[in-house]
Protein backbone atom coordinates (compact mmCIF):
# COMPACT_ATOMS: atom_id res chain seq x y z
CA UNK A 1 59.06 -2.97 -32.91
CA UNK A 2 61.17 -0.24 -34.32
CA UNK A 3 63.34 -1.59 -37.44
CA UNK A 4 66.17 0.30 -36.62
CA UNK A 5 66.70 -2.08 -33.69
CA UNK A 6 66.69 -5.10 -36.17
CA UNK A 7 70.09 -6.41 -36.67
CA UNK A 8 70.92 -7.96 -40.08
CA UNK A 9 73.75 -10.61 -40.02
CA UNK A 10 75.68 -11.17 -43.09
CA UNK A 11 73.90 -14.26 -44.00
CA UNK A 12 71.19 -11.89 -45.05
CA UNK A 13 73.06 -8.79 -46.03
CA UNK A 14 75.56 -10.48 -48.42
CA UNK A 15 72.54 -12.37 -50.31
CA UNK A 16 70.47 -10.01 -51.69
CA UNK A 17 66.52 -12.02 -52.39
CA UNK A 18 65.68 -12.18 -56.07
CA UNK A 19 63.44 -9.25 -57.97
CA UNK A 20 60.58 -11.79 -58.42
CA UNK A 21 60.01 -12.65 -54.39
CA UNK A 22 60.85 -8.81 -54.00
CA UNK A 23 57.82 -7.81 -56.38
CA UNK A 24 55.69 -10.89 -54.76
CA UNK A 25 55.99 -9.32 -51.24
CA UNK A 26 55.87 -5.73 -52.97
CA UNK A 27 52.60 -6.61 -54.35
CA UNK A 28 50.91 -8.68 -51.60
CA UNK A 29 51.94 -5.51 -49.08
CA UNK A 30 50.14 -3.15 -51.32
CA UNK A 31 47.08 -5.26 -51.80
CA UNK A 32 46.50 -6.35 -48.23
CA UNK A 33 48.57 -3.33 -46.27
CA UNK A 34 50.58 -5.95 -44.22
CA UNK A 35 53.29 -8.76 -45.09
CA UNK A 36 51.88 -12.17 -45.84
CA UNK A 37 54.77 -13.33 -43.12
CA UNK A 38 56.26 -12.46 -39.98
CA UNK A 39 59.63 -10.59 -39.30
CA UNK A 40 61.30 -12.48 -36.76
CA UNK A 41 64.22 -11.61 -34.72
CA UNK A 42 66.01 -13.75 -31.91
CA UNK A 43 66.32 -12.84 -28.48
CA UNK A 44 69.52 -10.56 -29.00
CA UNK A 45 67.41 -8.29 -31.93
CA UNK A 46 69.03 -10.33 -35.11
CA UNK A 47 66.77 -10.79 -37.83
CA UNK A 48 66.13 -14.97 -38.24
CA UNK A 49 63.13 -14.97 -40.87
CA UNK A 50 61.27 -12.27 -42.85
CA UNK A 51 64.69 -10.42 -44.88
CA UNK A 52 62.03 -9.68 -47.57
CA UNK A 53 59.29 -8.46 -45.51
CA UNK A 54 62.09 -6.43 -43.63
CA UNK A 55 63.21 -4.98 -47.07
CA UNK A 56 59.77 -3.74 -48.28
CA UNK A 57 58.42 -2.39 -44.99
CA UNK A 58 61.66 -0.25 -44.98
CA UNK A 59 61.19 0.98 -48.68
CA UNK A 60 58.02 1.65 -47.53
CA UNK A 61 59.52 4.38 -45.14
CA UNK A 62 58.09 2.57 -42.15
CA UNK A 63 60.67 2.68 -39.07
CA UNK A 64 57.96 0.71 -36.95
CA UNK A 65 56.29 -2.57 -37.59
CA UNK A 66 55.35 -5.77 -35.76
CA UNK A 67 58.45 -8.53 -35.35
CA UNK A 68 58.03 -11.51 -33.51
CA UNK A 69 60.73 -12.58 -31.23
CA UNK A 70 61.84 -16.30 -30.90
CA UNK A 71 63.91 -17.02 -28.01
CA UNK A 72 65.08 -20.38 -26.78
CA UNK A 73 67.34 -21.87 -29.62
CA UNK A 74 69.52 -24.42 -29.37
CA UNK A 75 73.08 -23.87 -30.57
CA UNK A 76 72.34 -25.64 -33.64
CA UNK A 77 69.33 -24.06 -34.42
CA UNK A 78 70.75 -20.71 -33.63
CA UNK A 79 73.91 -21.58 -35.97
CA UNK A 80 71.39 -22.33 -38.73
CA UNK A 81 69.58 -19.22 -38.60
CA UNK A 82 72.10 -16.72 -38.23
């Protein structure tokens, strides 16, 4: 998926991950060439999981990366995620 199409909610954008978590994810990515967790979006393209991985992949200058899409949320679950 083109990562330019991923929408980042305020919940993610206003809470930057810790340096430790970023470093762990970055080191894994450098060692293996892929993330240890999926980047997941909902059916509208909003990021619901994998924000740290998203940051790492974007920092590497990659615009396309595999993204999982989770559909059919119930309203309570969607509210919790976004």
